[in-house]
PDB file of N, CA and C in Angstrom:
ATOM      1  N   MET A   1    -185.275 -13.995 105.463  1.00  0.00           N
ATOM      2  CA  MET A   1    -184.286 -14.048 106.310  1.00  0.00           C
ATOM      3  C   MET A   1    -184.747 -15.128 107.377  1.00  0.00           C
ATOM      4  N   THR A   2    -183.704 -15.893 107.854  1.00  0.00           N
ATOM      5  CA  THR A   2    -183.898 -16.868 108.748  1.00  0.00           C
ATOM      6  C   THR A   2    -183.097 -16.932 110.006  1.00  0.00           C
ATOM      7  N   SER A   3    -183.605 -17.360 111.055  1.00  0.00           N
ATOM      8  CA  SER A   3    -182.968 -17.166 112.317  1.00  0.00           C
ATOM      9  C   SER A   3    -182.685 -18.700 113.146  1.00  0.00           C
ATOM     10  N   LYS A   4    -181.596 -18.872 113.408  1.00  0.00           N
ATOM     11  CA  LYS A   4    -181.274 -20.396 113.936  1.00  0.00           C
ATOM     12  C   LYS A   4    -180.610 -20.214 115.200  1.00  0.00           C
ATOM     13  N   HIS A   5    -180.942 -20.929 116.264  1.00  0.00           N
ATOM     14  CA  HIS A   5    -180.443 -21.043 117.519  1.00  0.00           C
ATOM     15  C   HIS A   5    -179.772 -22.187 117.770  1.00  0.00           C
ATOM     16  N   LEU A   6    -178.548 -22.220 118.122  1.00  0.00           N
ATOM     17  CA  LEU A   6    -177.642 -23.314 118.222  1.00  0.00           C
ATOM     18  C   LEU A   6    -177.006 -23.482 119.624  1.00  0.00           C
ATOM     19  N   LEU A   7    -176.820 -24.699 119.958  1.00  0.00           N
ATOM     20  CA  LEU A   7    -176.233 -25.112 121.246  1.00  0.00           C
ATOM     21  C   LEU A   7    -175.359 -26.228 120.899  1.00  0.00           C
ATOM     22  N   ILE A   8    -173.985 -25.766 121.152  1.00  0.00           N
ATOM     23  CA  ILE A   8    -172.919 -26.872 120.890  1.00  0.00           C
ATOM     24  C   ILE A   8    -172.061 -27.253 121.768  1.00  0.00           C
ATOM     25  N   SER A   9    -172.035 -28.534 121.838  1.00  0.00           N
ATOM     26  CA  SER A   9    -171.261 -29.127 123.145  1.00  0.00           C
ATOM     27  C   SER A   9    -170.141 -30.052 122.515  1.00  0.00           C
ATOM     28  N   GLY A  10    -169.249 -30.136 123.540  1.00  0.00           N
ATOM     29  CA  GLY A  10    -168.059 -31.077 123.261  1.00  0.00           C
ATOM     30  C   GLY A  10    -166.825 -30.207 123.953  1.00  0.00           C
ATOM     31  N   LYS A  11    -165.703 -30.132 123.240  1.00  0.00           N
ATOM     32  CA  LYS A  11    -164.548 -29.299 123.552  1.00  0.00           C
ATOM     33  C   LYS A  11    -164.657 -28.047 122.630  1.00  0.00           C
ATOM     34  N   VAL A  12    -165.307 -27.056 123.419  1.00  0.00           N
ATOM     35  CA  VAL A  12    -165.630 -25.859 122.414  1.00  0.00           C
ATOM     36  C   VAL A  12    -165.187 -24.618 122.988  1.00  0.00           C
ATOM     37  N   HIS A  13    -164.803 -24.637 124.399  1.00  0.00           N
ATOM     38  CA  HIS A  13    -164.131 -23.371 125.023  1.00  0.00           C
ATOM     39  C   HIS A  13    -162.648 -23.531 124.969  1.00  0.00           C
ATOM     40  N   GLY A  14    -161.921 -22.409 124.785  1.00  0.00           N
ATOM     41  CA  GLY A  14    -160.651 -22.385 124.800  1.00  0.00           C
ATOM     42  C   GLY A  14    -160.001 -22.860 123.487  1.00  0.00           C
ATOM     43  N   VAL A  15    -160.813 -22.902 122.405  1.00  0.00           N
ATOM     44  CA  VAL A  15    -160.028 -23.483 121.255  1.00  0.00           C
ATOM     45  C   VAL A  15    -160.457 -22.500 119.876  1.00  0.00           C
ATOM     46  N   GLY A  16    -160.721 -21.257 120.277  1.00  0.00           N
ATOM     47  CA  GLY A  16    -161.070 -20.260 119.205  1.00  0.00           C
ATOM     48  C   GLY A  16    -162.394 -20.432 118.521  1.00  0.00           C
ATOM     49  N   PHE A  17    -163.016 -21.316 118.859  1.00  0.00           N
ATOM     50  CA  PHE A  17    -164.606 -21.553 118.390  1.00  0.00           C
ATOM     51  C   PHE A  17    -165.286 -20.142 118.110  1.00  0.00           C
ATOM     52  N   ARG A  18    -165.573 -19.338 119.259  1.00  0.00           N
ATOM     53  CA  ARG A  18    -166.311 -18.337 119.079  1.00  0.00           C
ATOM     54  C   ARG A  18    -165.796 -17.148 117.888  1.00  0.00           C
ATOM     55  N   TYR A  19    -164.334 -17.195 117.847  1.00  0.00           N
ATOM     56  CA  TYR A  19    -163.825 -16.224 117.055  1.00  0.00           C
ATOM     57  C   TYR A  19    -163.709 -16.759 115.581  1.00  0.00           C
ATOM     58  N   ASN A  20    -163.581 -17.915 115.444  1.00  0.00           N
ATOM     59  CA  ASN A  20    -163.875 -18.723 114.266  1.00  0.00           C
ATOM     60  C   ASN A  20    -165.306 -18.554 113.561  1.00  0.00           C
ATOM     61  N   LEU A  21    -166.120 -18.603 114.466  1.00  0.00           N
ATOM     62  CA  LEU A  21    -167.563 -18.547 114.161  1.00  0.00           C
ATOM     63  C   LEU A  21    -167.931 -17.232 113.797  1.00  0.00           C
ATOM     64  N   GLN A  22    -167.425 -16.243 114.472  1.00  0.00           N
ATOM     65  CA  GLN A  22    -167.684 -14.764 114.195  1.00  0.00           C
ATOM     66  C   GLN A  22    -167.149 -14.444 112.720  1.00  0.00           C
ATOM     67  N   HIS A  23    -166.038 -15.033 112.495  1.00  0.00           N
ATOM     68  CA  HIS A  23    -165.409 -14.797 111.230  1.00  0.00           C
ATOM     69  C   HIS A  23    -166.124 -15.371 110.037  1.00  0.00           C
ATOM     70  N   ARG A  24    -166.565 -16.690 110.335  1.00  0.00           N
ATOM     71  CA  ARG A  24    -167.269 -17.294 109.206  1.00  0.00           C
ATOM     72  C   ARG A  24    -168.707 -16.583 109.120  1.00  0.00           C
ATOM     73  N   ALA A  25    -169.281 -16.246 110.130  1.00  0.00           N
ATOM     74  CA  ALA A  25    -170.580 -15.751 110.106  1.00  0.00           C
ATOM     75  C   ALA A  25    -170.380 -14.411 109.357  1.00  0.00           C
ATOM     76  N   THR A  26    -169.598 -13.575 109.768  1.00  0.00           N
ATOM     77  CA  THR A  26    -169.433 -12.149 109.232  1.00  0.00           C
ATOM     78  C   THR A  26    -169.156 -12.481 107.570  1.00  0.00           C
ATOM     79  N   ALA A  27    -168.092 -13.378 107.373  1.00  0.00           N
ATOM     80  CA  ALA A  27    -167.868 -13.659 105.791  1.00  0.00           C
ATOM     81  C   ALA A  27    -168.924 -14.030 105.003  1.00  0.00           C
ATOM     82  N   SER A  28    -169.959 -14.517 105.456  1.00  0.00           N
ATOM     83  CA  SER A  28    -171.173 -15.175 104.954  1.00  0.00           C
ATOM     84  C   SER A  28    -172.262 -14.182 104.967  1.00  0.00           C
ATOM     85  N   GLY A  29    -172.148 -12.995 105.485  1.00  0.00           N
ATOM     86  CA  GLY A  29    -173.187 -12.096 105.473  1.00  0.00           C
ATOM     87  C   GLY A  29    -174.097 -12.148 106.734  1.00  0.00           C
ATOM     88  N   LEU A  30    -173.864 -13.072 107.549  1.00  0.00           N
ATOM     89  CA  LEU A  30    -174.799 -13.244 108.658  1.00  0.00           C
ATOM     90  C   LEU A  30    -174.681 -12.376 109.902  1.00  0.00           C
ATOM     91  N   THR A  31    -175.534 -12.246 110.694  1.00  0.00           N
ATOM     92  CA  THR A  31    -175.735 -11.137 111.878  1.00  0.00           C
ATOM     93  C   THR A  31    -175.911 -12.329 113.005  1.00  0.00           C
ATOM     94  N   GLY A  32    -175.949 -11.782 114.228  1.00  0.00           N
ATOM     95  CA  GLY A  32    -176.351 -12.498 115.463  1.00  0.00           C
ATOM     96  C   GLY A  32    -175.274 -12.525 116.645  1.00  0.00           C
ATOM     97  N   TRP A  33    -175.029 -13.656 117.178  1.00  0.00           N
ATOM     98  CA  TRP A  33    -174.192 -13.464 118.249  1.00  0.00           C
ATOM     99  C   TRP A  33    -173.857 -14.948 118.717  1.00  0.00           C
ATOM    100  N   CYS A  34    -172.539 -15.055 119.522  1.00  0.00           N
ATOM    101  CA  CYS A  34    -172.377 -16.279 120.263  1.00  0.00           C
ATOM    102  C   CYS A  34    -171.657 -16.077 121.494  1.00  0.00           C
ATOM    103  N   ARG A  35    -171.672 -17.136 122.401  1.00  0.00           N
ATOM    104  CA  ARG A  35    -171.018 -16.820 123.744  1.00  0.00           C
ATOM    105  C   ARG A  35    -170.700 -18.223 124.148  1.00  0.00           C
ATOM    106  N   ASN A  36    -169.904 -18.444 125.096  1.00  0.00           N
ATOM    107  CA  ASN A  36    -169.661 -19.739 126.026  1.00  0.00           C
ATOM    108  C   ASN A  36    -170.656 -19.834 127.007  1.00  0.00           C
ATOM    109  N   LEU A  37    -171.142 -20.793 127.360  1.00  0.00           N
ATOM    110  CA  LEU A  37    -172.006 -20.924 128.537  1.00  0.00           C
ATOM    111  C   LEU A  37    -171.294 -21.505 129.646  1.00  0.00           C
ATOM    112  N   PRO A  38    -171.722 -21.285 131.017  1.00  0.00           N
ATOM    113  CA  PRO A  38    -170.986 -21.670 132.125  1.00  0.00           C
ATOM    114  C   PRO A  38    -170.839 -23.507 132.211  1.00  0.00           C
ATOM    115  N   ASP A  39    -171.925 -24.166 131.563  1.00  0.00           N
ATOM    116  CA  ASP A  39    -171.866 -25.597 131.521  1.00  0.00           C
ATOM    117  C   ASP A  39    -170.845 -26.087 130.537  1.00  0.00           C
ATOM    118  N   GLY A  40    -170.163 -25.355 129.777  1.00  0.00           N
ATOM    119  CA  GLY A  40    -169.213 -25.824 128.823  1.00  0.00           C
ATOM    120  C   GLY A  40    -169.683 -25.786 127.403  1.00  0.00           C
ATOM    121  N   ARG A  41    -170.870 -25.562 127.230  1.00  0.00           N
ATOM    122  CA  ARG A  41    -171.448 -25.488 125.910  1.00  0.00           C
ATOM    123  C   ARG A  41    -171.367 -24.034 125.026  1.00  0.00           C
ATOM    124  N   LEU A  42    -171.230 -24.025 123.944  1.00  0.00           N
ATOM    125  CA  LEU A  42    -171.307 -22.732 123.150  1.00  0.00           C
ATOM    126  C   LEU A  42    -172.755 -22.449 122.586  1.00  0.00           C
ATOM    127  N   GLU A  43    -173.258 -21.316 122.715  1.00  0.00           N
ATOM    128  CA  GLU A  43    -174.598 -20.951 122.337  1.00  0.00           C
ATOM    129  C   GLU A  43    -174.569 -19.867 121.163  1.00  0.00           C
ATOM    130  N   ALA A  44    -175.260 -20.058 120.187  1.00  0.00           N
ATOM    131  CA  ALA A  44    -175.070 -19.104 119.057  1.00  0.00           C
ATOM    132  C   ALA A  44    -176.439 -18.770 118.528  1.00  0.00           C
ATOM    133  N   LEU A  45    -176.613 -17.532 117.857  1.00  0.00           N
ATOM    134  CA  LEU A  45    -177.933 -17.322 117.138  1.00  0.00           C
ATOM    135  C   LEU A  45    -177.388 -16.903 115.744  1.00  0.00           C
ATOM    136  N   LEU A  46    -177.737 -17.312 114.591  1.00  0.00           N
ATOM    137  CA  LEU A  46    -177.394 -16.789 113.314  1.00  0.00           C
ATOM    138  C   LEU A  46    -178.625 -16.443 112.627  1.00  0.00           C
ATOM    139  N   GLN A  47    -178.582 -15.268 111.980  1.00  0.00           N
ATOM    140  CA  GLN A  47    -179.381 -14.711 111.154  1.00  0.00           C
ATOM    141  C   GLN A  47    -178.976 -14.261 109.813  1.00  0.00           C
ATOM    142  N   GLY A  48    -179.810 -14.430 108.863  1.00  0.00           N
ATOM    143  CA  GLY A  48    -179.484 -14.051 107.433  1.00  0.00           C
ATOM    144  C   GLY A  48    -180.146 -14.981 106.353  1.00  0.00           C
ATOM    145  N   ASP A  49    -179.508 -15.076 105.352  1.00  0.00           N
ATOM    146  CA  ASP A  49    -179.926 -15.866 104.235  1.00  0.00           C
ATOM    147  C   ASP A  49    -180.017 -17.293 104.647  1.00  0.00           C
ATOM    148  N   GLU A  50    -180.893 -18.139 104.376  1.00  0.00           N
ATOM    149  CA  GLU A  50    -181.278 -19.310 104.865  1.00  0.00           C
ATOM    150  C   GLU A  50    -180.084 -20.404 104.359  1.00  0.00           C
ATOM    151  N   ASP A  51    -179.653 -20.167 103.160  1.00  0.00           N
ATOM    152  CA  ASP A  51    -178.448 -21.074 102.680  1.00  0.00           C
ATOM    153  C   ASP A  51    -177.181 -20.748 103.387  1.00  0.00           C
ATOM    154  N   ALA A  52    -176.960 -19.466 103.724  1.00  0.00           N
ATOM    155  CA  ALA A  52    -175.558 -19.052 104.532  1.00  0.00           C
ATOM    156  C   ALA A  52    -175.670 -19.590 106.013  1.00  0.00           C
ATOM    157  N   VAL A  53    -176.884 -19.486 106.544  1.00  0.00           N
ATOM    158  CA  VAL A  53    -177.238 -19.928 107.872  1.00  0.00           C
ATOM    159  C   VAL A  53    -176.931 -21.521 108.049  1.00  0.00           C
ATOM    160  N   ASP A  54    -177.414 -22.078 106.770  1.00  0.00           N
ATOM    161  CA  ASP A  54    -177.220 -23.557 106.741  1.00  0.00           C
ATOM    162  C   ASP A  54    -175.793 -23.978 106.579  1.00  0.00           C
ATOM    163  N   VAL A  55    -174.857 -23.226 105.970  1.00  0.00           N
ATOM    164  CA  VAL A  55    -173.481 -23.618 105.723  1.00  0.00           C
ATOM    165  C   VAL A  55    -172.838 -23.169 107.118  1.00  0.00           C
ATOM    166  N   VAL A  56    -173.157 -22.196 107.635  1.00  0.00           N
ATOM    167  CA  VAL A  56    -172.258 -21.758 108.972  1.00  0.00           C
ATOM    168  C   VAL A  56    -172.599 -22.896 109.995  1.00  0.00           C
ATOM    169  N   ALA A  57    -174.081 -23.196 110.029  1.00  0.00           N
ATOM    170  CA  ALA A  57    -174.420 -24.228 111.184  1.00  0.00           C
ATOM    171  C   ALA A  57    -173.860 -25.627 110.677  1.00  0.00           C
ATOM    172  N   HIS A  58    -173.793 -26.030 109.436  1.00  0.00           N
ATOM    173  CA  HIS A  58    -173.065 -27.144 109.277  1.00  0.00           C
ATOM    174  C   HIS A  58    -171.374 -27.122 109.704  1.00  0.00           C
ATOM    175  N   TRP A  59    -170.913 -26.000 109.466  1.00  0.00           N
ATOM    176  CA  TRP A  59    -169.447 -26.000 109.989  1.00  0.00           C
ATOM    177  C   TRP A  59    -169.320 -26.266 111.411  1.00  0.00           C
ATOM    178  N   CYS A  60    -170.416 -25.818 112.260  1.00  0.00           N
ATOM    179  CA  CYS A  60    -170.490 -25.912 113.734  1.00  0.00           C
ATOM    180  C   CYS A  60    -170.143 -27.210 114.115  1.00  0.00           C
ATOM    181  N   HIS A  61    -170.666 -28.307 113.246  1.00  0.00           N
ATOM    182  CA  HIS A  61    -170.461 -29.849 113.750  1.00  0.00           C
ATOM    183  C   HIS A  61    -169.080 -30.000 113.737  1.00  0.00           C
ATOM    184  N   GLU A  62    -168.148 -29.336 113.067  1.00  0.00           N
ATOM    185  CA  GLU A  62    -166.672 -29.828 112.856  1.00  0.00           C
ATOM    186  C   GLU A  62    -165.941 -28.481 113.863  1.00  0.00           C
ATOM    187  N   GLY A  63    -166.187 -27.266 113.733  1.00  0.00           N
ATOM    188  CA  GLY A  63    -165.645 -26.289 114.345  1.00  0.00           C
ATOM    189  C   GLY A  63    -164.251 -26.133 113.979  1.00  0.00           C
ATOM    190  N   PRO A  64    -163.351 -25.407 114.692  1.00  0.00           N
ATOM    191  CA  PRO A  64    -162.063 -25.199 114.308  1.00  0.00           C
ATOM    192  C   PRO A  64    -161.185 -26.504 114.599  1.00  0.00           C
ATOM    193  N   VAL A  65    -159.978 -26.615 114.188  1.00  0.00           N
ATOM    194  CA  VAL A  65    -159.327 -27.836 114.400  1.00  0.00           C
ATOM    195  C   VAL A  65    -159.040 -28.351 115.690  1.00  0.00           C
ATOM    196  N   SER A  66    -158.949 -27.284 116.705  1.00  0.00           N
ATOM    197  CA  SER A  66    -158.726 -27.774 118.336  1.00  0.00           C
ATOM    198  C   SER A  66    -159.992 -28.319 118.673  1.00  0.00           C
ATOM    199  N   ALA A  67    -161.232 -28.020 118.331  1.00  0.00           N
ATOM    200  CA  ALA A  67    -162.544 -28.354 118.839  1.00  0.00           C
ATOM    201  C   ALA A  67    -162.727 -29.813 118.755  1.00  0.00           C
ATOM    202  N   GLN A  68    -163.553 -30.228 119.606  1.00  0.00           N
ATOM    203  CA  GLN A  68    -164.048 -31.629 119.546  1.00  0.00           C
ATOM    204  C   GLN A  68    -165.626 -31.678 119.925  1.00  0.00           C
ATOM    205  N   VAL A  69    -166.230 -31.490 118.690  1.00  0.00           N
ATOM    206  CA  VAL A  69    -167.656 -31.151 118.790  1.00  0.00           C
ATOM    207  C   VAL A  69    -168.488 -32.700 118.989  1.00  0.00           C
ATOM    208  N   GLU A  70    -169.266 -32.677 120.061  1.00  0.00           N
ATOM    209  CA  GLU A  70    -169.932 -33.881 120.280  1.00  0.00           C
ATOM    210  C   GLU A  70    -171.384 -33.727 119.812  1.00  0.00           C
ATOM    211  N   HIS A  71    -172.146 -32.589 119.833  1.00  0.00           N
ATOM    212  CA  HIS A  71    -173.417 -32.449 119.502  1.00  0.00           C
ATOM    213  C   HIS A  71    -173.676 -30.953 119.213  1.00  0.00           C
ATOM    214  N   VAL A  72    -174.612 -30.916 118.202  1.00  0.00           N
ATOM    215  CA  VAL A  72    -175.003 -29.612 117.924  1.00  0.00           C
ATOM    216  C   VAL A  72    -176.558 -29.636 117.759  1.00  0.00           C
ATOM    217  N   GLU A  73    -177.186 -28.855 118.675  1.00  0.00           N
ATOM    218  CA  GLU A  73    -178.541 -28.596 118.553  1.00  0.00           C
ATOM    219  C   GLU A  73    -179.158 -27.528 117.903  1.00  0.00           C
ATOM    220  N   ILE A  74    -179.850 -27.800 116.848  1.00  0.00           N
ATOM    221  CA  ILE A  74    -180.290 -26.507 116.042  1.00  0.00           C
ATOM    222  C   ILE A  74    -181.634 -26.345 115.988  1.00  0.00           C
ATOM    223  N   ARG A  75    -182.345 -25.085 116.217  1.00  0.00           N
ATOM    224  CA  ARG A  75    -183.603 -24.993 116.179  1.00  0.00           C
ATOM    225  C   ARG A  75    -183.962 -23.527 115.685  1.00  0.00           C
ATOM    226  N   ASP A  76    -185.265 -23.426 115.329  1.00  0.00           N
ATOM    227  CA  ASP A  76    -185.473 -22.257 114.538  1.00  0.00           C
ATOM    228  C   ASP A  76    -185.593 -21.152 115.941  1.00  0.00           C
ATOM    229  N   ALA A  77    -185.069 -20.058 115.832  1.00  0.00           N
ATOM    230  CA  ALA A  77    -184.928 -19.079 116.730  1.00  0.00           C
ATOM    231  C   ALA A  77    -186.326 -18.149 116.786  1.00  0.00           C
ATOM    232  N   GLN A  78    -186.889 -17.955 117.907  1.00  0.00           N
ATOM    233  CA  GLN A  78    -188.235 -17.327 118.127  1.00  0.00           C
ATOM    234  C   GLN A  78    -187.812 -15.707 118.539  1.00  0.00           C
ATOM    235  N   THR A  79    -187.132 -15.118 117.571  1.00  0.00           N
ATOM    236  CA  THR A  79    -186.834 -13.691 117.866  1.00  0.00           C
ATOM    237  C   THR A  79    -187.184 -12.769 116.784  1.00  0.00           C
ATOM    238  N   GLU A  80    -187.779 -11.596 117.133  1.00  0.00           N
ATOM    239  CA  GLU A  80    -188.100 -10.540 116.276  1.00  0.00           C
ATOM    240  C   GLU A  80    -186.846  -9.414 116.001  1.00  0.00           C
ATOM    241  N   GLU A  81    -185.988  -9.754 117.056  1.00  0.00           N
ATOM    242  CA  GLU A  81    -184.792  -8.625 117.037  1.00  0.00           C
ATOM    243  C   GLU A  81    -183.917  -8.850 115.766  1.00  0.00           C
ATOM    244  N   LYS A  82    -183.497  -7.916 115.033  1.00  0.00           N
ATOM    245  CA  LYS A  82    -182.508  -8.055 114.204  1.00  0.00           C
ATOM    246  C   LYS A  82    -181.213  -7.306 114.416  1.00  0.00           C
ATOM    247  N   PHE A  83    -180.150  -8.097 114.458  1.00  0.00           N
ATOM    248  CA  PHE A  83    -178.769  -7.666 114.884  1.00  0.00           C
ATOM    249  C   PHE A  83    -178.072  -7.020 113.585  1.00  0.00           C
ATOM    250  N   PRO A  84    -177.402  -5.932 113.990  1.00  0.00           N
ATOM    251  CA  PRO A  84    -176.661  -5.308 112.980  1.00  0.00           C
ATOM    252  C   PRO A  84    -175.285  -5.998 112.462  1.00  0.00           C
ATOM    253  N   ASP A  85    -174.731  -6.797 113.290  1.00  0.00           N
ATOM    254  CA  ASP A  85    -173.645  -7.460 112.942  1.00  0.00           C
ATOM    255  C   ASP A  85    -173.648  -8.735 113.868  1.00  0.00           C
ATOM    256  N   PHE A  86    -172.244  -9.484 113.821  1.00  0.00           N
ATOM    257  CA  PHE A  86    -172.309 -10.821 114.459  1.00  0.00           C
ATOM    258  C   PHE A  86    -171.343 -10.337 115.862  1.00  0.00           C
ATOM    259  N   GLU A  87    -171.748 -10.631 116.746  1.00  0.00           N
ATOM    260  CA  GLU A  87    -170.825 -10.204 118.054  1.00  0.00           C
ATOM    261  C   GLU A  87    -170.647 -11.556 118.960  1.00  0.00           C
ATOM    262  N   ILE A  88    -169.512 -11.340 119.712  1.00  0.00           N
ATOM    263  CA  ILE A  88    -169.273 -12.296 120.778  1.00  0.00           C
ATOM    264  C   ILE A  88    -169.550 -11.702 122.086  1.00  0.00           C
ATOM    265  N   LEU A  89    -170.596 -12.382 122.585  1.00  0.00           N
ATOM    266  CA  LEU A  89    -171.021 -11.915 123.927  1.00  0.00           C
ATOM    267  C   LEU A  89    -170.410 -12.498 124.978  1.00  0.00           C
ATOM    268  N   PRO A  90    -170.518 -11.769 126.276  1.00  0.00           N
ATOM    269  CA  PRO A  90    -169.610 -12.498 127.515  1.00  0.00           C
ATOM    270  C   PRO A  90    -170.630 -13.577 128.001  1.00  0.00           C
ATOM    271  N   THR A  91    -169.890 -14.450 128.681  1.00  0.00           N
ATOM    272  CA  THR A  91    -170.562 -15.599 129.355  1.00  0.00           C
ATOM    273  C   THR A  91    -171.397 -15.233 130.423  1.00  0.00           C
ATOM    274  N   PRO A  92    -172.619 -15.698 130.367  1.00  0.00           N
ATOM    275  CA  PRO A  92    -173.644 -15.346 131.202  1.00  0.00           C
ATOM    276  C   PRO A  92    -173.094 -15.861 132.799  1.00  0.00           C
ATOM    277  N   ALA A  93    -173.467 -15.225 133.793  1.00  0.00           N
ATOM    278  CA  ALA A  93    -173.296 -15.645 135.209  1.00  0.00           C
ATOM    279  C   ALA A  93    -173.977 -17.198 135.376  1.00  0.00           C
ATOM    280  N   ARG A  94    -173.330 -17.818 136.229  1.00  0.00           N
ATOM    281  CA  ARG A  94    -173.813 -19.115 136.428  1.00  0.00           C
ATOM    282  C   ARG A  94    -174.703 -19.039 137.385  1.00  0.00           C
ATOM    283  N   SER A  95    -176.082 -19.612 137.176  1.00  0.00           N
ATOM    284  CA  SER A  95    -177.130 -19.526 138.159  1.00  0.00           C
ATOM    285  C   SER A  95    -177.026 -20.614 139.179  1.00  0.00           C
ATOM    286  N   CYS A  96    -177.459 -20.256 140.391  1.00  0.00           N
ATOM    287  CA  CYS A  96    -177.379 -21.313 141.545  1.00  0.00           C
ATOM    288  C   CYS A  96    -178.360 -22.102 141.499  1.00  0.00           C
TER     289      CYS A  96
END
C-alpha cells in the first residue's frame, strides 16, 4: 500500500473537483480524503495500490471539465493511519 499527499492549485473550488475525485478514488479501490483549503487549493490524501494511486493522481492534473488545474504537488504521505473509505472533509478554518 502506498500513500500520497496532493496539493492542487488553480480553479479547483466550485467545479465539482472533490466529488469527482471521491468517485474516481472509490472506483479505483482507494481510501483517504480530500478537502478545499481556505487559500483556494485542494488537498488530498490517496491510499491504496500504487498503480491506482498513480492513475488517480495523474487525473488530478486535469480534474473535472470545469476545473483549470495550474499545479499539482505530490509527495509521499507520512501517515500510519489507514482510512476505511474516501471522504470529503470540511474546509479547515482560516488561520490568522
